[in-house]
Amino acid sequence: MTFLYIAAATLLVGFLFEAVARRWDRKRWPRPGRQVDVGGHGLHARVFGDGERVIVFEADEGAWSTHWGRLPEELGKIATSVVYDRAGLGWSEGGPPPRDVETLARELHHLLQQLAPGRPVILVGHGTGAGVARTYAHRYPFETSALVLVDPMHEGFGDLLRREQVTPLKPSALGMGLASLLGRFGVLRLMNARQSPNEHLPLPAPLRAELDAHELAPGVRRAAAAEMECEAQNVEYLSGLPATPELPIRALISTETLPASEAPADYPHETYNRLWTEQSAAFLELSRRAQRVILEGSGHQLQLERPEIVLEAILEAIGEVEEVEALRAAEES
């Protein structure tokens, strides 16, 4: 009985500690942008600049606006740059299930109807966020000017891994549920107190601390898990999308998307990276205007490691959009 009292008291102390720490996190990192209602829940968004072109940044699975670093702000010098947090991530409110690419694209459309109504956008999608960008382009073709895919994950990659007898890397539902539970009682915060889990990201220390704080929030972990749970239906949906022959597409591909330091012991990360690069050739089939750039030695966080490369690809996409528009205008005249 004494053991039960001690355990209950420990859990209570942990719960209170986490509650106080989370309140402090909210005061230390207040919402930097605005909250936009997209039909029952609010999405946090920031808009930089007021240029003619609209650039929209779509983060990787379970990631949000902070993961883009200073790139959206830099683009605001020459365009209208929009970066946002999907539902439940970053500073955004939670959204209804399922959190598949169709739902995410629809919510993004609601957001842009308020932030940049009637203006075609260039979508910049990172990792699995590229699937959201492609879905948006399919559903709203007249509101999409171009796609820039930053180390995107192709829907055929999982099958390719299995054919090559490489186990796909995927967090277990049990592990994510356990992490969320531990987070409620301050255990994760204590485990990460000595070293930031985002230490490897090339971000200023304050931004890494901000990421650490958000990742500890149970709501953010639930939202990330909800997106991951939709992987199978996303693969099926994206596999059925038709090509868009005239859409300008830039695909930036890393050759070290899975570094040895982030792979499990004895995992064939070199094979994984080789197959990732090989599978990326499929992006060239999406459009006759698709181009692929292989970036030797770069990791998955291209937008943070080599933002100048992403910026260059966006500028190239803007240039090609202007060429396409000029051709259309000439044909109509």
C-alpha atoms as a PDB file:
ATOM      1  CA  MET A   1       0.000   0.000   0.000  1.00  0.00           C
ATOM      2  CA  THR A   2       2.858   2.350   0.856  1.00  0.00           C
ATOM      3  CA  PHE A   3       4.340   1.718  -2.593  1.00  0.00           C
ATOM      4  CA  LEU A   4       1.053   2.740  -4.215  1.00  0.00           C
ATOM      5  CA  TYR A   5       0.994   5.984  -2.233  1.00  0.00           C
ATOM      6  CA  ILE A   6       4.564   6.759  -3.255  1.00  0.00           C
ATOM      7  CA  ALA A   7       3.829   5.960  -6.911  1.00  0.00           C
ATOM      8  CA  ALA A   8       0.689   8.110  -6.887  1.00  0.00           C
ATOM      9  CA  ALA A   9       2.543  10.988  -5.239  1.00  0.00           C
ATOM     10  CA  THR A  10       5.360  10.717  -7.795  1.00  0.00           C
ATOM     11  CA  LEU A  11       2.915  10.799 -10.689  1.00  0.00           C
ATOM     12  CA  LEU A  12       1.124  13.794  -9.200  1.00  0.00           C
ATOM     13  CA  VAL A  13       4.381  15.699  -8.748  1.00  0.00           C
ATOM     14  CA  GLY A  14       5.396  14.842 -12.317  1.00  0.00           C
ATOM     15  CA  PHE A  15       2.028  15.945 -13.659  1.00  0.00           C
ATOM     16  CA  LEU A  16       2.174  19.275 -11.810  1.00  0.00           C
ATOM     17  CA  PHE A  17       5.787  19.813 -12.851  1.00  0.00           C
ATOM     18  CA  GLU A  18       4.885  19.271 -16.506  1.00  0.00           C
ATOM     19  CA  ALA A  19       1.832  21.550 -16.270  1.00  0.00           C
ATOM     20  CA  VAL A  20       3.899  24.399 -14.808  1.00  0.00           C
ATOM     21  CA  ALA A  21       6.695  23.865 -17.336  1.00  0.00           C
ATOM     22  CA  ARG A  22       4.235  23.882 -20.242  1.00  0.00           C
ATOM     23  CA  ARG A  23       2.664  27.107 -19.029  1.00  0.00           C
ATOM     24  CA  TRP A  24       6.115  28.640 -18.880  1.00  0.00           C
ATOM     25  CA  ASP A  25       6.813  27.394 -22.428  1.00  0.00           C
ATOM     26  CA  ARG A  26       3.695  29.187 -23.709  1.00  0.00           C
ATOM     27  CA  LYS A  27       4.822  32.445 -22.112  1.00  0.00           C
ATOM     28  CA  ARG A  28       8.377  32.080 -23.349  1.00  0.00           C
ATOM     29  CA  TRP A  29       7.378  31.280 -26.940  1.00  0.00           C
ATOM     30  CA  PRO A  30       4.091  33.050 -27.672  1.00  0.00           C
ATOM     31  CA  ARG A  31       2.410  32.589 -31.031  1.00  0.00           C
ATOM     32  CA  PRO A  32       4.417  34.682 -33.528  1.00  0.00           C
ATOM     33  CA  GLY A  33       1.737  34.795 -36.246  1.00  0.00           C
ATOM     34  CA  ARG A  34      -2.037  34.879 -36.539  1.00  0.00           C
ATOM     35  CA  GLN A  35      -4.677  32.237 -35.974  1.00  0.00           C
ATOM     36  CA  VAL A  36      -6.935  31.650 -38.985  1.00  0.00           C
ATOM     37  CA  ASP A  37     -10.194  29.702 -38.708  1.00  0.00           C
ATOM     38  CA  VAL A  38     -10.475  26.975 -41.365  1.00  0.00           C
ATOM     39  CA  GLY A  39     -13.855  25.565 -40.381  1.00  0.00           C
ATOM     40  CA  GLY A  40     -14.019  24.873 -36.662  1.00  0.00           C
ATOM     41  CA  HIS A  41     -10.335  25.054 -35.740  1.00  0.00           C
ATOM     42  CA  GLY A  42      -7.580  27.597 -36.142  1.00  0.00           C
ATOM     43  CA  LEU A  43      -4.325  27.255 -38.056  1.00  0.00           C
ATOM     44  CA  HIS A  44      -1.348  29.380 -37.104  1.00  0.00           C
ATOM     45  CA  ALA A  45       0.180  31.227 -40.070  1.00  0.00           C
ATOM     46  CA  ARG A  46       2.770  33.888 -40.774  1.00  0.00           C
ATOM     47  CA  VAL A  47       2.885  36.052 -43.892  1.00  0.00           C
ATOM     48  CA  PHE A  48       6.061  37.840 -44.972  1.00  0.00           C
ATOM     49  CA  GLY A  49       6.149  40.474 -47.702  1.00  0.00           C
ATOM     50  CA  ASP A  50       3.520  41.524 -50.215  1.00  0.00           C
ATOM     51  CA  GLY A  51       5.051  40.634 -53.566  1.00  0.00           C
ATOM     52  CA  GLU A  52       3.079  39.552 -56.626  1.00  0.00           C
ATOM     53  CA  ARG A  53       4.044  35.876 -56.345  1.00  0.00           C
ATOM     54  CA  VAL A  54       2.696  33.792 -53.459  1.00  0.00           C
ATOM     55  CA  ILE A  55       5.030  31.147 -52.020  1.00  0.00           C
ATOM     56  CA  VAL A  56       3.548  28.629 -49.557  1.00  0.00           C
ATOM     57  CA  PHE A  57       5.687  26.367 -47.380  1.00  0.00           C
ATOM     58  CA  GLU A  58       4.407  22.878 -46.474  1.00  0.00           C
ATOM     59  CA  ALA A  59       6.408  21.167 -43.726  1.00  0.00           C
ATOM     60  CA  ASP A  60       7.375  17.514 -43.409  1.00  0.00           C
ATOM     61  CA  GLU A  61       5.258  14.963 -41.553  1.00  0.00           C
ATOM     62  CA  GLY A  62       4.893  15.989 -37.902  1.00  0.00           C
ATOM     63  CA  ALA A  63       6.807  19.244 -38.535  1.00  0.00           C
ATOM     64  CA  TRP A  64       5.703  22.890 -38.630  1.00  0.00           C
ATOM     65  CA  SER A  65       6.720  26.436 -39.503  1.00  0.00           C
ATOM     66  CA  THR A  66       9.803  26.554 -37.269  1.00  0.00           C
ATOM     67  CA  HIS A  67      11.365  23.730 -39.298  1.00  0.00           C
ATOM     68  CA  TRP A  68      11.722  26.096 -42.261  1.00  0.00           C
ATOM     69  CA  GLY A  69      14.179  28.342 -40.426  1.00  0.00           C
ATOM     70  CA  ARG A  70      14.594  31.834 -41.931  1.00  0.00           C
ATOM     71  CA  LEU A  71      13.747  30.811 -45.495  1.00  0.00           C
ATOM     72  CA  PRO A  72      10.112  32.077 -45.520  1.00  0.00           C
ATOM     73  CA  GLU A  73      11.235  35.430 -44.139  1.00  0.00           C
ATOM     74  CA  GLU A  74      13.940  35.703 -46.815  1.00  0.00           C
ATOM     75  CA  LEU A  75      11.400  34.956 -49.563  1.00  0.00           C
ATOM     76  CA  GLY A  76       9.228  37.738 -48.171  1.00  0.00           C
ATOM     77  CA  LYS A  77      11.714  40.225 -49.631  1.00  0.00           C
ATOM     78  CA  ILE A  78      10.653  39.337 -53.182  1.00  0.00           C
ATOM     79  CA  ALA A  79       7.237  37.674 -52.828  1.00  0.00           C
ATOM     80  CA  THR A  80       4.301  37.055 -50.512  1.00  0.00           C
ATOM     81  CA  SER A  81       5.635  34.221 -48.363  1.00  0.00           C
ATOM     82  CA  VAL A  82       3.235  32.092 -46.312  1.00  0.00           C
ATOM     83  CA  VAL A  83       4.346  29.548 -43.719  1.00  0.00           C
ATOM     84  CA  TYR A  84       1.895  27.789 -41.424  1.00  0.00           C
ATOM     85  CA  ASP A  85       1.377  24.960 -38.933  1.00  0.00           C
ATOM     86  CA  ARG A  86      -0.935  22.098 -39.795  1.00  0.00           C
ATOM     87  CA  ALA A  87      -3.643  21.275 -37.270  1.00  0.00           C
ATOM     88  CA  GLY A  88      -2.330  20.197 -33.869  1.00  0.00           C
ATOM     89  CA  LEU A  89       1.274  21.103 -34.696  1.00  0.00           C
ATOM     90  CA  GLY A  90       3.261  24.149 -33.617  1.00  0.00           C
ATOM     91  CA  TRP A  91       0.809  26.818 -32.477  1.00  0.00           C
ATOM     92  CA  SER A  92      -2.217  25.489 -34.405  1.00  0.00           C
ATOM     93  CA  GLU A  93      -5.333  23.998 -32.828  1.00  0.00           C
ATOM     94  CA  GLY A  94      -6.139  20.330 -33.285  1.00  0.00           C
ATOM     95  CA  GLY A  95      -8.250  19.272 -36.255  1.00  0.00           C
ATOM     96  CA  PRO A  96     -10.687  16.439 -36.989  1.00  0.00           C
ATOM     97  CA  PRO A  97      -9.585  13.052 -38.346  1.00  0.00           C
ATOM     98  CA  PRO A  98      -8.460  11.691 -40.657  1.00  0.00           C
ATOM     99  CA  ARG A  99      -5.242  13.679 -41.052  1.00  0.00           C
ATOM    100  CA  ASP A 100      -4.607  12.439 -44.581  1.00  0.00           C
ATOM    101  CA  VAL A 101      -3.280  14.452 -47.529  1.00  0.00           C
ATOM    102  CA  GLU A 102      -6.779  15.229 -48.819  1.00  0.00           C
ATOM    103  CA  THR A 103      -7.836  16.716 -45.486  1.00  0.00           C
ATOM    104  CA  LEU A 104      -4.586  18.649 -45.152  1.00  0.00           C
ATOM    105  CA  ALA A 105      -4.834  20.046 -48.700  1.00  0.00           C
ATOM    106  CA  ARG A 106      -8.446  21.077 -48.113  1.00  0.00           C
ATOM    107  CA  GLU A 107      -7.538  22.900 -44.892  1.00  0.00           C
ATOM    108  CA  LEU A 108      -4.646  24.636 -46.644  1.00  0.00           C
ATOM    109  CA  HIS A 109      -7.072  25.806 -49.322  1.00  0.00           C
ATOM    110  CA  HIS A 110      -9.382  27.283 -46.655  1.00  0.00           C
ATOM    111  CA  LEU A 111      -6.372  29.042 -45.160  1.00  0.00           C
ATOM    112  CA  LEU A 112      -5.204  30.525 -48.462  1.00  0.00           C
ATOM    113  CA  GLN A 113      -8.700  31.691 -49.364  1.00  0.00           C
ATOM    114  CA  GLN A 114      -8.319  34.086 -46.453  1.00  0.00           C
ATOM    115  CA  LEU A 115      -4.627  34.935 -46.725  1.00  0.00           C
ATOM    116  CA  ALA A 116      -4.190  35.158 -50.512  1.00  0.00           C
ATOM    117  CA  PRO A 117      -7.659  34.887 -52.105  1.00  0.00           C
ATOM    118  CA  GLY A 118      -7.733  34.282 -55.840  1.00  0.00           C
ATOM    119  CA  ARG A 119      -3.949  34.179 -56.214  1.00  0.00           C
ATOM    120  CA  PRO A 120      -2.168  31.116 -57.680  1.00  0.00           C
ATOM    121  CA  VAL A 121       0.577  29.817 -55.410  1.00  0.00           C
ATOM    122  CA  ILE A 122       3.951  28.137 -55.694  1.00  0.00           C
ATOM    123  CA  LEU A 123       3.961  25.299 -53.169  1.00  0.00           C
ATOM    124  CA  VAL A 124       7.212  24.295 -51.479  1.00  0.00           C
ATOM    125  CA  GLY A 125       6.777  20.882 -49.832  1.00  0.00           C
ATOM    126  CA  HIS A 126       9.365  19.147 -47.658  1.00  0.00           C
ATOM    127  CA  GLY A 127       9.512  15.355 -47.248  1.00  0.00           C
ATOM    128  CA  THR A 128       6.021  13.912 -46.923  1.00  0.00           C
ATOM    129  CA  GLY A 129       4.724  17.493 -47.106  1.00  0.00           C
ATOM    130  CA  ALA A 130       5.377  17.147 -50.825  1.00  0.00           C
ATOM    131  CA  GLY A 131       2.380  14.800 -50.916  1.00  0.00           C
ATOM    132  CA  VAL A 132       0.169  17.558 -49.511  1.00  0.00           C
ATOM    133  CA  ALA A 133       1.521  19.961 -52.131  1.00  0.00           C
ATOM    134  CA  ARG A 134       0.844  17.497 -54.951  1.00  0.00           C
ATOM    135  CA  THR A 135      -2.659  16.842 -53.635  1.00  0.00           C
ATOM    136  CA  TYR A 136      -3.349  20.568 -53.525  1.00  0.00           C
ATOM    137  CA  ALA A 137      -2.119  20.950 -57.112  1.00  0.00           C
ATOM    138  CA  HIS A 138      -4.445  18.137 -58.215  1.00  0.00           C
ATOM    139  CA  ARG A 139      -7.513  19.441 -56.380  1.00  0.00           C
ATOM    140  CA  TYR A 140      -6.924  23.111 -57.185  1.00  0.00           C
ATOM    141  CA  PRO A 141      -5.036  23.171 -60.517  1.00  0.00           C
ATOM    142  CA  PHE A 142      -6.022  26.738 -61.399  1.00  0.00           C
ATOM    143  CA  GLU A 143      -4.742  27.953 -58.032  1.00  0.00           C
ATOM    144  CA  THR A 144      -1.314  26.281 -58.332  1.00  0.00           C
ATOM    145  CA  SER A 145       1.533  27.791 -60.368  1.00  0.00           C
ATOM    146  CA  ALA A 146       4.405  25.411 -59.581  1.00  0.00           C
ATOM    147  CA  LEU A 147       5.783  22.861 -57.105  1.00  0.00           C
ATOM    148  CA  VAL A 148       9.178  22.817 -55.409  1.00  0.00           C
ATOM    149  CA  LEU A 149       9.679  19.460 -53.680  1.00  0.00           C
ATOM    150  CA  VAL A 150      12.400  19.429 -51.018  1.00  0.00           C
ATOM    151  CA  ASP A 151      13.795  15.915 -50.536  1.00  0.00           C
ATOM    152  CA  PRO A 152      10.298  14.507 -51.139  1.00  0.00           C
ATOM    153  CA  MET A 153       9.190  11.006 -50.230  1.00  0.00           C
ATOM    154  CA  HIS A 154       7.689   9.177 -53.208  1.00  0.00           C
ATOM    155  CA  GLU A 155       4.712   6.894 -52.604  1.00  0.00           C
ATOM    156  CA  GLY A 156       6.559   3.989 -54.227  1.00  0.00           C
ATOM    157  CA  PHE A 157       9.504   4.128 -51.851  1.00  0.00           C
ATOM    158  CA  GLY A 158       8.063   1.762 -49.249  1.00  0.00           C
ATOM    159  CA  ASP A 159       7.406  -0.937 -51.842  1.00  0.00           C
ATOM    160  CA  LEU A 160      10.911  -0.490 -53.244  1.00  0.00           C
ATOM    161  CA  LEU A 161      12.413  -0.996 -49.781  1.00  0.00           C
ATOM    162  CA  ARG A 162      10.425  -4.179 -49.270  1.00  0.00           C
ATOM    163  CA  ARG A 163      11.426  -5.538 -52.688  1.00  0.00           C
ATOM    164  CA  GLU A 164      15.052  -4.953 -51.744  1.00  0.00           C
ATOM    165  CA  GLN A 165      14.406  -6.599 -48.339  1.00  0.00           C
ATOM    166  CA  VAL A 166      15.100  -3.402 -46.401  1.00  0.00           C
ATOM    167  CA  THR A 167      12.764  -2.855 -43.457  1.00  0.00           C
ATOM    168  CA  PRO A 168      10.959   0.510 -43.755  1.00  0.00           C
ATOM    169  CA  LEU A 169      11.640   2.839 -40.854  1.00  0.00           C
ATOM    170  CA  LYS A 170       8.424   3.670 -39.080  1.00  0.00           C
ATOM    171  CA  PRO A 171       7.748   4.646 -35.444  1.00  0.00           C
ATOM    172  CA  SER A 172       5.565   2.106 -33.661  1.00  0.00           C
ATOM    173  CA  ALA A 173       2.121   3.172 -32.470  1.00  0.00           C
ATOM    174  CA  LEU A 174       2.965   1.685 -29.071  1.00  0.00           C
ATOM    175  CA  GLY A 175       6.170   3.693 -28.816  1.00  0.00           C
ATOM    176  CA  MET A 176       4.464   6.942 -29.776  1.00  0.00           C
ATOM    177  CA  GLY A 177       1.636   6.296 -27.328  1.00  0.00           C
ATOM    178  CA  LEU A 178       4.111   5.579 -24.549  1.00  0.00           C
ATOM    179  CA  ALA A 179       6.065   8.752 -25.329  1.00  0.00           C
ATOM    180  CA  SER A 180       2.868  10.804 -25.175  1.00  0.00           C
ATOM    181  CA  LEU A 181       2.012   9.272 -21.796  1.00  0.00           C
ATOM    182  CA  LEU A 182       5.486   9.912 -20.394  1.00  0.00           C
ATOM    183  CA  GLY A 183       5.264  13.470 -21.657  1.00  0.00           C
ATOM    184  CA  ARG A 184       2.220  14.116 -19.490  1.00  0.00           C
ATOM    185  CA  PHE A 185       4.205  13.363 -16.346  1.00  0.00           C
ATOM    186  CA  GLY A 186       7.351  15.309 -17.160  1.00  0.00           C
ATOM    187  CA  VAL A 187       9.510  12.259 -17.862  1.00  0.00           C
ATOM    188  CA  LEU A 188      10.427  13.285 -21.405  1.00  0.00           C
ATOM    189  CA  ARG A 189      11.294  16.782 -20.253  1.00  0.00           C
ATOM    190  CA  LEU A 190      13.698  15.387 -17.679  1.00  0.00           C
ATOM    191  CA  MET A 191      15.197  12.978 -20.226  1.00  0.00           C
ATOM    192  CA  ASN A 192      15.858  15.850 -22.648  1.00  0.00           C
ATOM    193  CA  ALA A 193      17.068  18.307 -20.007  1.00  0.00           C
ATOM    194  CA  ARG A 194      20.775  17.675 -20.590  1.00  0.00           C
ATOM    195  CA  GLN A 195      20.793  17.676 -24.399  1.00  0.00           C
ATOM    196  CA  SER A 196      18.367  18.938 -27.010  1.00  0.00           C
ATOM    197  CA  PRO A 197      16.908  16.184 -29.235  1.00  0.00           C
ATOM    198  CA  ASN A 198      17.168  18.756 -32.047  1.00  0.00           C
ATOM    199  CA  GLU A 199      20.852  19.435 -31.453  1.00  0.00           C
ATOM    200  CA  HIS A 200      21.640  18.124 -34.939  1.00  0.00           C
ATOM    201  CA  LEU A 201      19.514  20.745 -36.680  1.00  0.00           C
ATOM    202  CA  PRO A 202      21.390  23.790 -38.022  1.00  0.00           C
ATOM    203  CA  LEU A 203      19.198  26.271 -36.176  1.00  0.00           C
ATOM    204  CA  PRO A 204      19.989  28.993 -33.634  1.00  0.00           C
ATOM    205  CA  ALA A 205      19.814  27.728 -30.050  1.00  0.00           C
ATOM    206  CA  PRO A 206      16.580  29.648 -29.240  1.00  0.00           C
ATOM    207  CA  LEU A 207      14.763  28.034 -32.167  1.00  0.00           C
ATOM    208  CA  ARG A 208      16.005  24.575 -31.164  1.00  0.00           C
ATOM    209  CA  ALA A 209      14.732  25.211 -27.623  1.00  0.00           C
ATOM    210  CA  GLU A 210      11.380  26.270 -29.085  1.00  0.00           C
ATOM    211  CA  LEU A 211      11.174  23.040 -31.093  1.00  0.00           C
ATOM    212  CA  ASP A 212      12.051  21.012 -28.001  1.00  0.00           C
ATOM    213  CA  ALA A 213       9.247  22.656 -26.026  1.00  0.00           C
ATOM    214  CA  HIS A 214       6.602  22.064 -28.703  1.00  0.00           C
ATOM    215  CA  GLU A 215       7.630  18.443 -29.222  1.00  0.00           C
ATOM    216  CA  LEU A 216       7.048  17.751 -25.529  1.00  0.00           C
ATOM    217  CA  ALA A 217       3.393  18.805 -25.773  1.00  0.00           C
ATOM    218  CA  PRO A 218       1.076  15.747 -25.826  1.00  0.00           C
ATOM    219  CA  GLY A 219      -1.198  17.470 -28.344  1.00  0.00           C
ATOM    220  CA  VAL A 220       1.640  17.897 -30.816  1.00  0.00           C
ATOM    221  CA  ARG A 221       2.653  14.265 -30.388  1.00  0.00           C
ATOM    222  CA  ARG A 222      -0.928  13.136 -30.986  1.00  0.00           C
ATOM    223  CA  ALA A 223      -1.165  15.285 -34.120  1.00  0.00           C
ATOM    224  CA  ALA A 224       2.105  13.897 -35.469  1.00  0.00           C
ATOM    225  CA  ALA A 225       0.936  10.343 -34.773  1.00  0.00           C
ATOM    226  CA  ALA A 226      -2.402  11.026 -36.483  1.00  0.00           C
ATOM    227  CA  GLU A 227      -0.591  12.108 -39.659  1.00  0.00           C
ATOM    228  CA  MET A 228       1.640   9.027 -39.599  1.00  0.00           C
ATOM    229  CA  GLU A 229      -1.367   6.747 -39.189  1.00  0.00           C
ATOM    230  CA  CYS A 230      -2.621   7.872 -42.619  1.00  0.00           C
ATOM    231  CA  GLU A 231       0.478   6.718 -44.486  1.00  0.00           C
ATOM    232  CA  ALA A 232      -1.190   3.763 -46.210  1.00  0.00           C
ATOM    233  CA  GLN A 233      -4.166   5.728 -47.510  1.00  0.00           C
ATOM    234  CA  ASN A 234      -1.859   8.568 -48.585  1.00  0.00           C
ATOM    235  CA  VAL A 235       0.237   6.120 -50.616  1.00  0.00           C
ATOM    236  CA  GLU A 236      -2.896   4.767 -52.294  1.00  0.00           C
ATOM    237  CA  TYR A 237      -4.229   8.247 -53.061  1.00  0.00           C
ATOM    238  CA  LEU A 238      -0.962   9.656 -54.417  1.00  0.00           C
ATOM    239  CA  SER A 239      -0.400   6.537 -56.540  1.00  0.00           C
ATOM    240  CA  GLY A 240      -3.641   7.304 -58.361  1.00  0.00           C
ATOM    241  CA  LEU A 241      -2.948  10.952 -59.158  1.00  0.00           C
ATOM    242  CA  PRO A 242      -2.623  11.712 -62.872  1.00  0.00           C
ATOM    243  CA  ALA A 243       0.342  13.574 -64.300  1.00  0.00           C
ATOM    244  CA  THR A 244       0.152  17.349 -64.717  1.00  0.00           C
ATOM    245  CA  PRO A 245       2.108  17.829 -67.968  1.00  0.00           C
ATOM    246  CA  GLU A 246       2.399  21.622 -67.917  1.00  0.00           C
ATOM    247  CA  LEU A 247       3.055  22.169 -64.207  1.00  0.00           C
ATOM    248  CA  PRO A 248       6.608  23.369 -63.438  1.00  0.00           C
ATOM    249  CA  ILE A 249       8.145  21.048 -60.828  1.00  0.00           C
ATOM    250  CA  ARG A 250      11.542  21.124 -59.138  1.00  0.00           C
ATOM    251  CA  ALA A 251      12.561  18.091 -57.043  1.00  0.00           C
ATOM    252  CA  LEU A 252      15.621  18.534 -54.815  1.00  0.00           C
ATOM    253  CA  ILE A 253      16.946  15.132 -53.726  1.00  0.00           C
ATOM    254  CA  SER A 254      19.390  14.428 -50.895  1.00  0.00           C
ATOM    255  CA  THR A 255      21.812  11.526 -51.121  1.00  0.00           C
ATOM    256  CA  GLU A 256      22.172  11.263 -47.316  1.00  0.00           C
ATOM    257  CA  THR A 257      18.533  11.575 -46.308  1.00  0.00           C
ATOM    258  CA  LEU A 258      19.142   8.976 -43.583  1.00  0.00           C
ATOM    259  CA  PRO A 259      22.523   9.630 -41.919  1.00  0.00           C
ATOM    260  CA  ALA A 260      24.234   6.813 -40.056  1.00  0.00           C
ATOM    261  CA  SER A 261      23.858   8.746 -36.788  1.00  0.00           C
ATOM    262  CA  GLU A 262      20.052   8.617 -37.048  1.00  0.00           C
ATOM    263  CA  ALA A 263      19.740   5.012 -38.237  1.00  0.00           C
ATOM    264  CA  PRO A 264      19.308   2.033 -35.915  1.00  0.00           C
ATOM    265  CA  ALA A 265      22.411  -0.044 -35.240  1.00  0.00           C
ATOM    266  CA  ASP A 266      23.258  -2.361 -38.169  1.00  0.00           C
ATOM    267  CA  TYR A 267      20.561  -0.770 -40.359  1.00  0.00           C
ATOM    268  CA  PRO A 268      21.592  -0.631 -44.051  1.00  0.00           C
ATOM    269  CA  HIS A 269      21.389   3.153 -44.270  1.00  0.00           C
ATOM    270  CA  GLU A 270      23.616   3.287 -47.361  1.00  0.00           C
ATOM    271  CA  THR A 271      21.200   1.028 -49.237  1.00  0.00           C
ATOM    272  CA  TYR A 272      18.281   3.085 -47.927  1.00  0.00           C
ATOM    273  CA  ASN A 273      19.834   6.288 -49.264  1.00  0.00           C
ATOM    274  CA  ARG A 274      20.674   4.711 -52.627  1.00  0.00           C
ATOM    275  CA  LEU A 275      17.107   3.501 -53.069  1.00  0.00           C
ATOM    276  CA  TRP A 276      15.742   6.897 -51.978  1.00  0.00           C
ATOM    277  CA  THR A 277      17.752   8.556 -54.741  1.00  0.00           C
ATOM    278  CA  GLU A 278      16.767   5.945 -57.328  1.00  0.00           C
ATOM    279  CA  GLN A 279      13.070   6.164 -56.495  1.00  0.00           C
ATOM    280  CA  SER A 280      13.158   9.944 -56.868  1.00  0.00           C
ATOM    281  CA  ALA A 281      13.437   9.504 -60.635  1.00  0.00           C
ATOM    282  CA  ALA A 282       9.688   8.830 -60.555  1.00  0.00           C
ATOM    283  CA  PHE A 283       9.087  12.534 -59.871  1.00  0.00           C
ATOM    284  CA  LEU A 284      10.215  13.245 -63.427  1.00  0.00           C
ATOM    285  CA  GLU A 285       7.087  11.419 -64.628  1.00  0.00           C
ATOM    286  CA  LEU A 286       4.768  13.945 -62.952  1.00  0.00           C
ATOM    287  CA  SER A 287       5.203  16.620 -65.611  1.00  0.00           C
ATOM    288  CA  ARG A 288       7.137  17.296 -68.792  1.00  0.00           C
ATOM    289  CA  ARG A 289       8.306  20.400 -66.951  1.00  0.00           C
ATOM    290  CA  ALA A 290       9.659  18.403 -64.001  1.00  0.00           C
ATOM    291  CA  GLN A 291      13.351  18.672 -63.168  1.00  0.00           C
ATOM    292  CA  ARG A 292      15.379  16.781 -60.568  1.00  0.00           C
ATOM    293  CA  VAL A 293      18.516  17.952 -58.791  1.00  0.00           C
ATOM    294  CA  ILE A 294      20.635  15.385 -56.898  1.00  0.00           C
ATOM    295  CA  LEU A 295      22.513  17.000 -54.007  1.00  0.00           C
ATOM    296  CA  GLU A 296      25.492  14.866 -53.057  1.00  0.00           C
ATOM    297  CA  GLY A 297      26.236  14.652 -49.342  1.00  0.00           C
ATOM    298  CA  SER A 298      23.167  16.621 -48.259  1.00  0.00           C
ATOM    299  CA  GLY A 299      20.842  15.406 -45.521  1.00  0.00           C
ATOM    300  CA  HIS A 300      17.058  15.422 -45.338  1.00  0.00           C
ATOM    301  CA  GLN A 301      16.849  18.873 -43.730  1.00  0.00           C
ATOM    302  CA  LEU A 302      17.873  20.608 -46.946  1.00  0.00           C
ATOM    303  CA  GLN A 303      15.925  23.766 -46.132  1.00  0.00           C
ATOM    304  CA  LEU A 304      18.097  24.228 -43.039  1.00  0.00           C
ATOM    305  CA  GLU A 305      21.398  22.773 -44.250  1.00  0.00           C
ATOM    306  CA  ARG A 306      21.425  24.410 -47.680  1.00  0.00           C
ATOM    307  CA  PRO A 307      18.682  27.045 -47.797  1.00  0.00           C
ATOM    308  CA  GLU A 308      20.406  28.778 -50.719  1.00  0.00           C
ATOM    309  CA  ILE A 309      19.718  25.704 -52.891  1.00  0.00           C
ATOM    310  CA  VAL A 310      16.015  25.758 -52.002  1.00  0.00           C
ATOM    311  CA  LEU A 311      15.895  29.508 -52.614  1.00  0.00           C
ATOM    312  CA  GLU A 312      17.505  29.042 -56.037  1.00  0.00           C
ATOM    313  CA  ALA A 313      14.951  26.352 -56.960  1.00  0.00           C
ATOM    314  CA  ILE A 314      12.082  28.645 -55.945  1.00  0.00           C
ATOM    315  CA  LEU A 315      13.504  31.486 -58.035  1.00  0.00           C
ATOM    316  CA  GLU A 316      13.839  29.120 -60.999  1.00  0.00           C
ATOM    317  CA  ALA A 317      10.226  28.042 -60.526  1.00  0.00           C
ATOM    318  CA  ILE A 318       9.111  31.678 -60.488  1.00  0.00           C
ATOM    319  CA  GLY A 319      11.024  32.265 -63.719  1.00  0.00           C
ATOM    320  CA  GLU A 320       9.414  29.270 -65.418  1.00  0.00           C
ATOM    321  CA  VAL A 321       5.951  30.316 -64.226  1.00  0.00           C
ATOM    322  CA  GLU A 322       6.509  33.692 -65.863  1.00  0.00           C
ATOM    323  CA  GLU A 323       7.546  31.962 -69.096  1.00  0.00           C
ATOM    324  CA  VAL A 324       4.435  29.759 -69.058  1.00  0.00           C
ATOM    325  CA  GLU A 325       2.206  32.762 -68.424  1.00  0.00           C
ATOM    326  CA  ALA A 326       3.842  34.674 -71.284  1.00  0.00           C
ATOM    327  CA  LEU A 327       3.282  31.742 -73.656  1.00  0.00           C
ATOM    328  CA  ARG A 328      -0.381  31.483 -72.656  1.00  0.00           C
ATOM    329  CA  ALA A 329      -0.855  35.215 -73.120  1.00  0.00           C
ATOM    330  CA  ALA A 330       0.726  35.019 -76.601  1.00  0.00           C
ATOM    331  CA  GLU A 331      -1.547  32.103 -77.580  1.00  0.00           C
ATOM    332  CA  GLU A 332      -4.647  33.968 -76.429  1.00  0.00           C
ATOM    333  CA  SER A 333      -3.760  37.195 -78.247  1.00  0.00           C
END
